[in-house]
Amino acid sequence: MCLNADSTIQVVPVDSARLGLPGNRENIVKLNADHGGVCRFGESQTDRDNFELVSFNIREIYKNALKNCELSATLSAMNR
């Protein structure tokens, strides 16, 4: 979800922000940005804060994907 600069107008509806992946593979975050600021980050403190939020969530998704792969490999080995 994304709010405009004064945090009053929702720019991206929650349904559009969600990909619909199964399980806990998604985490929708609220950014303080306009429509263009959703996909690019500048030098302002707001942009740095938004970037940190997005990059943290990408790292978490990556870590969870690795855990799921390791679990799948372990279960597969156990079933042999």
N, C-alpha and C. Protein backbone atom coordinates (compact mmCIF):
# COMPACT_ATOMS: atom_id res chain seq x y z
N MET A 1 0.85 -1.16 0.00
CA MET A 1 0.00 0.00 0.00
C MET A 1 0.90 1.22 0.00
N CYS A 2 0.47 2.28 -0.62
CA CYS A 2 1.26 3.50 -0.69
C CYS A 2 0.37 4.70 -0.43
N LEU A 3 0.81 5.58 0.43
CA LEU A 3 0.09 6.81 0.69
C LEU A 3 0.84 7.97 0.06
N ASN A 4 0.12 9.03 -0.28
CA ASN A 4 0.79 10.18 -0.85
C ASN A 4 1.62 10.88 0.23
N ALA A 5 2.35 11.92 -0.15
CA ALA A 5 3.32 12.56 0.73
C ALA A 5 2.73 13.05 2.05
N ASP A 6 1.49 13.49 2.07
CA ASP A 6 0.92 13.95 3.34
C ASP A 6 0.11 12.86 4.04
N SER A 7 0.25 11.62 3.57
CA SER A 7 -0.35 10.43 4.20
C SER A 7 -1.87 10.48 4.27
N THR A 8 -2.49 11.09 3.29
CA THR A 8 -3.95 11.18 3.34
C THR A 8 -4.64 10.40 2.23
N ILE A 9 -3.98 10.17 1.12
CA ILE A 9 -4.62 9.50 -0.01
C ILE A 9 -3.89 8.19 -0.30
N GLN A 10 -4.63 7.12 -0.34
CA GLN A 10 -4.05 5.82 -0.68
C GLN A 10 -3.85 5.77 -2.18
N VAL A 11 -2.59 5.64 -2.63
CA VAL A 11 -2.25 5.65 -4.05
C VAL A 11 -2.43 4.27 -4.66
N VAL A 12 -2.01 3.24 -3.95
CA VAL A 12 -2.12 1.87 -4.43
C VAL A 12 -3.07 1.10 -3.50
N PRO A 13 -4.20 0.65 -4.00
CA PRO A 13 -5.12 -0.12 -3.16
C PRO A 13 -4.47 -1.41 -2.66
N VAL A 14 -4.88 -1.86 -1.50
CA VAL A 14 -4.31 -3.07 -0.91
C VAL A 14 -4.44 -4.26 -1.86
N ASP A 15 -5.58 -4.40 -2.52
CA ASP A 15 -5.77 -5.52 -3.45
C ASP A 15 -4.76 -5.48 -4.60
N SER A 16 -4.36 -4.29 -5.03
CA SER A 16 -3.38 -4.17 -6.09
C SER A 16 -1.96 -4.41 -5.58
N ALA A 17 -1.75 -4.19 -4.31
CA ALA A 17 -0.43 -4.40 -3.72
C ALA A 17 -0.17 -5.88 -3.44
N ARG A 18 -1.20 -6.66 -3.37
CA ARG A 18 -1.08 -8.08 -3.03
C ARG A 18 -0.97 -8.92 -4.30
N LEU A 19 0.01 -9.83 -4.31
CA LEU A 19 0.19 -10.72 -5.45
C LEU A 19 -0.69 -11.96 -5.34
N GLY A 20 -1.08 -12.31 -4.13
CA GLY A 20 -1.92 -13.48 -3.93
C GLY A 20 -1.12 -14.77 -3.78
N LEU A 21 0.13 -14.66 -3.32
CA LEU A 21 0.94 -15.85 -3.11
C LEU A 21 0.44 -16.62 -1.90
N PRO A 22 0.56 -17.93 -1.92
CA PRO A 22 0.07 -18.72 -0.79
C PRO A 22 0.94 -18.57 0.46
N GLY A 23 0.33 -18.82 1.60
CA GLY A 23 1.08 -18.80 2.86
C GLY A 23 1.50 -17.39 3.27
N ASN A 24 2.65 -17.33 3.91
CA ASN A 24 3.16 -16.05 4.42
C ASN A 24 4.25 -15.49 3.52
N ARG A 25 4.11 -15.64 2.23
CA ARG A 25 5.13 -15.21 1.29
C ARG A 25 5.08 -13.72 0.99
N GLU A 26 4.03 -13.06 1.42
CA GLU A 26 3.88 -11.63 1.14
C GLU A 26 3.80 -10.84 2.43
N ASN A 27 4.31 -9.63 2.37
CA ASN A 27 4.17 -8.70 3.47
C ASN A 27 3.93 -7.32 2.85
N ILE A 28 2.73 -6.83 2.96
CA ILE A 28 2.40 -5.54 2.39
C ILE A 28 2.82 -4.45 3.37
N VAL A 29 3.57 -3.48 2.88
CA VAL A 29 4.05 -2.39 3.71
C VAL A 29 3.48 -1.07 3.22
N LYS A 30 3.36 -0.13 4.12
CA LYS A 30 2.85 1.19 3.79
C LYS A 30 4.05 2.13 3.56
N LEU A 31 4.12 2.71 2.37
CA LEU A 31 5.17 3.66 2.04
C LEU A 31 4.60 5.07 2.03
N ASN A 32 5.40 6.02 2.43
CA ASN A 32 5.01 7.42 2.37
C ASN A 32 5.58 7.96 1.05
N ALA A 33 4.81 7.80 -0.03
CA ALA A 33 5.30 8.18 -1.36
C ALA A 33 4.12 8.44 -2.29
N ASP A 34 4.42 9.15 -3.37
CA ASP A 34 3.41 9.33 -4.41
C ASP A 34 3.54 8.16 -5.39
N HIS A 35 2.79 8.21 -6.47
CA HIS A 35 2.79 7.08 -7.41
C HIS A 35 4.18 6.80 -7.97
N GLY A 36 4.94 7.83 -8.30
CA GLY A 36 6.29 7.63 -8.82
C GLY A 36 7.27 7.16 -7.77
N GLY A 37 7.05 7.55 -6.52
CA GLY A 37 7.96 7.19 -5.44
C GLY A 37 7.85 5.76 -4.98
N VAL A 38 6.86 5.05 -5.47
CA VAL A 38 6.69 3.65 -5.10
C VAL A 38 7.83 2.80 -5.67
N CYS A 39 8.33 3.18 -6.82
CA CYS A 39 9.32 2.34 -7.50
C CYS A 39 10.70 2.97 -7.62
N ARG A 40 10.90 4.17 -7.12
CA ARG A 40 12.25 4.76 -7.14
C ARG A 40 12.45 5.57 -5.87
N PHE A 41 13.69 5.63 -5.46
CA PHE A 41 14.02 6.26 -4.19
C PHE A 41 15.06 7.35 -4.42
N GLY A 42 14.84 8.51 -3.80
CA GLY A 42 15.76 9.63 -3.92
C GLY A 42 16.63 9.78 -2.69
N GLU A 43 17.07 10.99 -2.45
CA GLU A 43 17.99 11.27 -1.35
C GLU A 43 17.30 11.78 -0.09
N SER A 44 16.01 12.05 -0.14
CA SER A 44 15.34 12.59 1.04
C SER A 44 15.26 11.54 2.15
N GLN A 45 15.05 12.00 3.36
CA GLN A 45 14.92 11.08 4.49
C GLN A 45 13.72 10.16 4.31
N THR A 46 12.64 10.69 3.78
CA THR A 46 11.45 9.86 3.52
C THR A 46 11.77 8.75 2.54
N ASP A 47 12.49 9.09 1.46
CA ASP A 47 12.87 8.07 0.49
C ASP A 47 13.81 7.04 1.10
N ARG A 48 14.74 7.48 1.92
CA ARG A 48 15.66 6.54 2.58
C ARG A 48 14.88 5.61 3.51
N ASP A 49 13.91 6.17 4.24
CA ASP A 49 13.07 5.34 5.12
C ASP A 49 12.27 4.32 4.32
N ASN A 50 11.68 4.77 3.21
CA ASN A 50 10.93 3.86 2.35
C ASN A 50 11.83 2.76 1.80
N PHE A 51 13.03 3.13 1.36
CA PHE A 51 13.97 2.15 0.82
C PHE A 51 14.35 1.13 1.88
N GLU A 52 14.61 1.58 3.08
CA GLU A 52 14.98 0.66 4.17
C GLU A 52 13.84 -0.32 4.44
N LEU A 53 12.62 0.16 4.44
CA LEU A 53 11.47 -0.70 4.67
C LEU A 53 11.33 -1.75 3.57
N VAL A 54 11.47 -1.32 2.32
CA VAL A 54 11.35 -2.24 1.19
C VAL A 54 12.51 -3.24 1.19
N SER A 55 13.73 -2.76 1.38
CA SER A 55 14.88 -3.67 1.34
C SER A 55 14.84 -4.67 2.49
N PHE A 56 14.39 -4.24 3.67
CA PHE A 56 14.24 -5.17 4.79
C PHE A 56 13.26 -6.28 4.43
N ASN A 57 12.14 -5.91 3.83
CA ASN A 57 11.13 -6.91 3.47
C ASN A 57 11.62 -7.84 2.38
N ILE A 58 12.40 -7.34 1.44
CA ILE A 58 12.98 -8.22 0.41
C ILE A 58 13.92 -9.23 1.05
N ARG A 59 14.74 -8.77 2.00
CA ARG A 59 15.65 -9.68 2.70
C ARG A 59 14.87 -10.76 3.46
N GLU A 60 13.77 -10.36 4.11
CA GLU A 60 12.96 -11.33 4.85
C GLU A 60 12.33 -12.36 3.93
N ILE A 61 11.83 -11.93 2.79
CA ILE A 61 11.24 -12.85 1.81
C ILE A 61 12.31 -13.84 1.33
N TYR A 62 13.51 -13.33 1.08
CA TYR A 62 14.63 -14.17 0.64
C TYR A 62 14.98 -15.21 1.71
N LYS A 63 15.10 -14.77 2.97
CA LYS A 63 15.42 -15.70 4.06
C LYS A 63 14.36 -16.78 4.19
N ASN A 64 13.10 -16.38 4.11
CA ASN A 64 12.00 -17.35 4.21
C ASN A 64 12.02 -18.33 3.05
N ALA A 65 12.36 -17.86 1.86
CA ALA A 65 12.44 -18.75 0.70
C ALA A 65 13.56 -19.78 0.91
N LEU A 66 14.70 -19.35 1.45
CA LEU A 66 15.79 -20.28 1.72
C LEU A 66 15.38 -21.33 2.75
N LYS A 67 14.70 -20.88 3.80
CA LYS A 67 14.23 -21.82 4.83
C LYS A 67 13.28 -22.86 4.22
N ASN A 68 12.37 -22.39 3.36
CA ASN A 68 11.41 -23.30 2.73
C ASN A 68 12.11 -24.29 1.82
N CYS A 69 13.15 -23.85 1.11
CA CYS A 69 13.91 -24.75 0.24
C CYS A 69 14.64 -25.80 1.07
N GLU A 70 15.25 -25.36 2.17
CA GLU A 70 15.96 -26.29 3.04
C GLU A 70 14.99 -27.31 3.64
N LEU A 71 13.83 -26.86 4.06
CA LEU A 71 12.84 -27.77 4.62
C LEU A 71 12.36 -28.76 3.57
N SER A 72 12.11 -28.29 2.37
CA SER A 72 11.67 -29.18 1.29
C SER A 72 12.73 -30.22 0.98
N ALA A 73 14.00 -29.80 0.96
CA ALA A 73 15.09 -30.74 0.67
C ALA A 73 15.20 -31.78 1.79
N THR A 74 15.06 -31.35 3.02
CA THR A 74 15.13 -32.27 4.16
C THR A 74 13.99 -33.29 4.11
N LEU A 75 12.79 -32.81 3.87
CA LEU A 75 11.63 -33.72 3.79
C LEU A 75 11.78 -34.69 2.61
N SER A 76 12.28 -34.20 1.51
CA SER A 76 12.48 -35.06 0.34
C SER A 76 13.49 -36.14 0.65
N ALA A 77 14.57 -35.79 1.33
CA ALA A 77 15.60 -36.78 1.68
C ALA A 77 15.05 -37.81 2.66
N MET A 78 14.20 -37.38 3.55
CA MET A 78 13.64 -38.30 4.54
C MET A 78 12.68 -39.31 3.90
N ASN A 79 12.04 -38.91 2.81
CA ASN A 79 11.06 -39.78 2.15
C ASN A 79 11.70 -40.77 1.18
N ARG A 80 12.99 -40.74 1.05
CA ARG A 80 13.64 -41.67 0.11
C ARG A 80 13.85 -43.00 0.73
